[in-house]
Amino acid sequence: GLHRVPLANLEDQFLSLEADGSCALTEVIRVIGPFPNVKNLLTGTSTVGPSTLRLTYTKVIDGTGAELTSSQARSVKLRLAALSKSLLVVAAASIDADDWLVFEREDDFADA
């Protein structure tokens, strides 16, 4: 994706997990220089297991508004470290070590 392009940085991720198993992830990518931020929207389903969280994205809308095809759908398995009503901590395996992702519940984005 764009976050792998030189001078582009994955700035933020906003994850929504719903009780019906649906999920949405918004990626905000910052491109260094006089360029606007780019937003990617990934939607699909989530499954919580005893020590795992699996996110399966079936629809991806990239920063240009183009919808990626179903053949480009992806599934991500994360190690679940902590889960409560207000906090989600997962580890994503990478080449060097685990990359930790911490998501904090936010009910009102306008006041955040």
C-alpha atoms as a PDB file:
ATOM      1  CA  GLY A   1       0.000   0.000   0.000  1.00  0.00           C
ATOM      2  CA  LEU A   2       0.862   3.665   0.050  1.00  0.00           C
ATOM      3  CA  HIS A   3       2.378   3.430   3.550  1.00  0.00           C
ATOM      4  CA  ARG A   4       5.272   1.483   1.974  1.00  0.00           C
ATOM      5  CA  VAL A   5       6.085   4.351  -0.408  1.00  0.00           C
ATOM      6  CA  PRO A   6       9.158   6.440   0.502  1.00  0.00           C
ATOM      7  CA  LEU A   7       8.178   9.631   2.347  1.00  0.00           C
ATOM      8  CA  ALA A   8       4.832   8.114   3.385  1.00  0.00           C
ATOM      9  CA  ASN A   9       4.102   7.185   6.994  1.00  0.00           C
ATOM     10  CA  LEU A  10       1.248   5.213   8.509  1.00  0.00           C
ATOM     11  CA  GLU A  11       0.141   7.921  10.939  1.00  0.00           C
ATOM     12  CA  ASP A  12      -2.960   6.485  12.651  1.00  0.00           C
ATOM     13  CA  GLN A  13      -5.342   3.571  12.640  1.00  0.00           C
ATOM     14  CA  PHE A  14      -8.926   3.706  13.884  1.00  0.00           C
ATOM     15  CA  LEU A  15     -10.566   0.326  14.455  1.00  0.00           C
ATOM     16  CA  SER A  16     -14.290  -0.274  14.972  1.00  0.00           C
ATOM     17  CA  LEU A  17     -15.442  -3.690  16.168  1.00  0.00           C
ATOM     18  CA  GLU A  18     -19.203  -4.272  16.254  1.00  0.00           C
ATOM     19  CA  ALA A  19     -21.187  -6.825  18.265  1.00  0.00           C
ATOM     20  CA  ASP A  20     -22.416  -8.480  15.042  1.00  0.00           C
ATOM     21  CA  GLY A  21     -18.816  -9.336  14.051  1.00  0.00           C
ATOM     22  CA  SER A  22     -18.389  -6.586  11.472  1.00  0.00           C
ATOM     23  CA  CYS A  23     -15.302  -4.400  11.584  1.00  0.00           C
ATOM     24  CA  ALA A  24     -13.893  -1.301   9.938  1.00  0.00           C
ATOM     25  CA  LEU A  25     -10.335  -0.001   9.957  1.00  0.00           C
ATOM     26  CA  THR A  26      -9.465   3.501   8.824  1.00  0.00           C
ATOM     27  CA  GLU A  27      -5.791   4.053   8.018  1.00  0.00           C
ATOM     28  CA  VAL A  28      -4.464   7.599   7.904  1.00  0.00           C
ATOM     29  CA  ILE A  29      -1.282   7.879   5.856  1.00  0.00           C
ATOM     30  CA  ARG A  30       0.831  11.020   6.024  1.00  0.00           C
ATOM     31  CA  VAL A  31       2.871  11.805   2.921  1.00  0.00           C
ATOM     32  CA  ILE A  32       5.823  14.059   3.742  1.00  0.00           C
ATOM     33  CA  GLY A  33       5.856  17.320   1.830  1.00  0.00           C
ATOM     34  CA  PRO A  34       3.094  19.543   0.541  1.00  0.00           C
ATOM     35  CA  PHE A  35       0.703  16.635   0.091  1.00  0.00           C
ATOM     36  CA  PRO A  36      -2.586  15.877   1.869  1.00  0.00           C
ATOM     37  CA  ASN A  37      -3.092  12.922   4.172  1.00  0.00           C
ATOM     38  CA  VAL A  38      -4.549   9.807   2.556  1.00  0.00           C
ATOM     39  CA  LYS A  39      -7.329   7.721   4.102  1.00  0.00           C
ATOM     40  CA  ASN A  40      -7.893   4.040   3.368  1.00  0.00           C
ATOM     41  CA  LEU A  41     -11.050   2.302   4.605  1.00  0.00           C
ATOM     42  CA  LEU A  42     -11.040  -1.461   5.131  1.00  0.00           C
ATOM     43  CA  THR A  43     -14.265  -3.251   6.105  1.00  0.00           C
ATOM     44  CA  GLY A  44     -15.088  -6.866   6.805  1.00  0.00           C
ATOM     45  CA  THR A  45     -15.516  -9.219   9.744  1.00  0.00           C
ATOM     46  CA  SER A  46     -13.756  -9.906  13.016  1.00  0.00           C
ATOM     47  CA  THR A  47     -13.437 -13.085  15.052  1.00  0.00           C
ATOM     48  CA  VAL A  48     -12.183 -13.191  18.626  1.00  0.00           C
ATOM     49  CA  GLY A  49     -10.640 -16.451  19.812  1.00  0.00           C
ATOM     50  CA  PRO A  50      -9.053 -17.410  23.140  1.00  0.00           C
ATOM     51  CA  SER A  51      -5.796 -15.617  22.326  1.00  0.00           C
ATOM     52  CA  THR A  52      -6.315 -14.288  18.810  1.00  0.00           C
ATOM     53  CA  LEU A  53      -8.151 -11.618  16.908  1.00  0.00           C
ATOM     54  CA  ARG A  54      -8.684 -12.284  13.207  1.00  0.00           C
ATOM     55  CA  LEU A  55      -9.695  -9.411  10.955  1.00  0.00           C
ATOM     56  CA  THR A  56     -10.863 -10.395   7.481  1.00  0.00           C
ATOM     57  CA  TYR A  57     -11.185  -7.433   5.157  1.00  0.00           C
ATOM     58  CA  THR A  58     -13.539  -8.023   2.249  1.00  0.00           C
ATOM     59  CA  LYS A  59     -13.827  -4.450   1.000  1.00  0.00           C
ATOM     60  CA  VAL A  60     -11.025  -1.916   0.701  1.00  0.00           C
ATOM     61  CA  ILE A  61     -11.465   1.647  -0.508  1.00  0.00           C
ATOM     62  CA  ASP A  62      -8.104   3.286  -1.071  1.00  0.00           C
ATOM     63  CA  GLY A  63      -7.153   6.937  -0.796  1.00  0.00           C
ATOM     64  CA  THR A  64      -8.202   7.646  -4.371  1.00  0.00           C
ATOM     65  CA  GLY A  65     -11.708   6.279  -3.775  1.00  0.00           C
ATOM     66  CA  ALA A  66     -11.060   3.128  -5.807  1.00  0.00           C
ATOM     67  CA  GLU A  67     -12.514  -0.090  -4.438  1.00  0.00           C
ATOM     68  CA  LEU A  68     -10.106  -3.000  -4.497  1.00  0.00           C
ATOM     69  CA  THR A  69     -11.437  -6.277  -5.843  1.00  0.00           C
ATOM     70  CA  SER A  70     -12.366  -9.256  -3.695  1.00  0.00           C
ATOM     71  CA  SER A  71      -9.274 -11.083  -4.966  1.00  0.00           C
ATOM     72  CA  GLN A  72      -7.267  -8.465  -3.058  1.00  0.00           C
ATOM     73  CA  ALA A  73      -9.115  -9.155   0.203  1.00  0.00           C
ATOM     74  CA  ARG A  74      -6.887 -10.024   3.117  1.00  0.00           C
ATOM     75  CA  SER A  75      -7.039 -11.668   6.496  1.00  0.00           C
ATOM     76  CA  VAL A  76      -4.872 -10.607   9.436  1.00  0.00           C
ATOM     77  CA  LYS A  77      -4.343 -12.768  12.512  1.00  0.00           C
ATOM     78  CA  LEU A  78      -3.227 -10.840  15.600  1.00  0.00           C
ATOM     79  CA  ARG A  79      -2.127 -12.150  18.989  1.00  0.00           C
ATOM     80  CA  LEU A  80      -4.577 -10.893  21.586  1.00  0.00           C
ATOM     81  CA  ALA A  81      -2.733  -9.549  24.629  1.00  0.00           C
ATOM     82  CA  ALA A  82      -5.535  -7.682  26.423  1.00  0.00           C
ATOM     83  CA  LEU A  83      -9.201  -7.041  25.813  1.00  0.00           C
ATOM     84  CA  SER A  84     -11.645  -5.067  27.913  1.00  0.00           C
ATOM     85  CA  LYS A  85     -14.560  -2.724  27.321  1.00  0.00           C
ATOM     86  CA  SER A  86     -12.177   0.246  27.018  1.00  0.00           C
ATOM     87  CA  LEU A  87      -8.889  -1.222  25.745  1.00  0.00           C
ATOM     88  CA  LEU A  88      -7.621  -3.610  23.064  1.00  0.00           C
ATOM     89  CA  VAL A  89      -3.951  -4.615  22.881  1.00  0.00           C
ATOM     90  CA  VAL A  90      -2.729  -6.885  20.083  1.00  0.00           C
ATOM     91  CA  ALA A  91       0.631  -7.976  18.742  1.00  0.00           C
ATOM     92  CA  ALA A  92       1.282  -8.319  15.027  1.00  0.00           C
ATOM     93  CA  ALA A  93       4.242 -10.511  14.145  1.00  0.00           C
ATOM     94  CA  SER A  94       6.880  -8.779  12.062  1.00  0.00           C
ATOM     95  CA  ILE A  95      10.321  -9.794  10.814  1.00  0.00           C
ATOM     96  CA  ASP A  96      12.250  -8.260  13.721  1.00  0.00           C
ATOM     97  CA  ALA A  97       9.801  -8.717  16.608  1.00  0.00           C
ATOM     98  CA  ASP A  98       6.207  -8.077  17.537  1.00  0.00           C
ATOM     99  CA  ASP A  99       4.638  -4.757  16.653  1.00  0.00           C
ATOM    100  CA  TRP A 100       2.241  -3.803  19.437  1.00  0.00           C
ATOM    101  CA  LEU A 101      -1.004  -2.030  18.624  1.00  0.00           C
ATOM    102  CA  VAL A 102      -3.001  -0.387  21.400  1.00  0.00           C
ATOM    103  CA  PHE A 103      -6.560   0.746  20.738  1.00  0.00           C
ATOM    104  CA  GLU A 104      -8.436   2.818  23.296  1.00  0.00           C
ATOM    105  CA  ARG A 105     -12.218   3.107  23.251  1.00  0.00           C
ATOM    106  CA  GLU A 106     -13.496   6.489  22.126  1.00  0.00           C
ATOM    107  CA  ASP A 107     -17.249   7.033  22.207  1.00  0.00           C
ATOM    108  CA  ASP A 108     -17.186  10.655  21.051  1.00  0.00           C
ATOM    109  CA  PHE A 109     -14.590  11.532  18.379  1.00  0.00           C
ATOM    110  CA  ALA A 110     -15.647  15.173  18.358  1.00  0.00           C
ATOM    111  CA  ASP A 111     -14.321  15.644  21.907  1.00  0.00           C
ATOM    112  CA  ALA A 112     -11.216  13.462  21.462  1.00  0.00           C
END
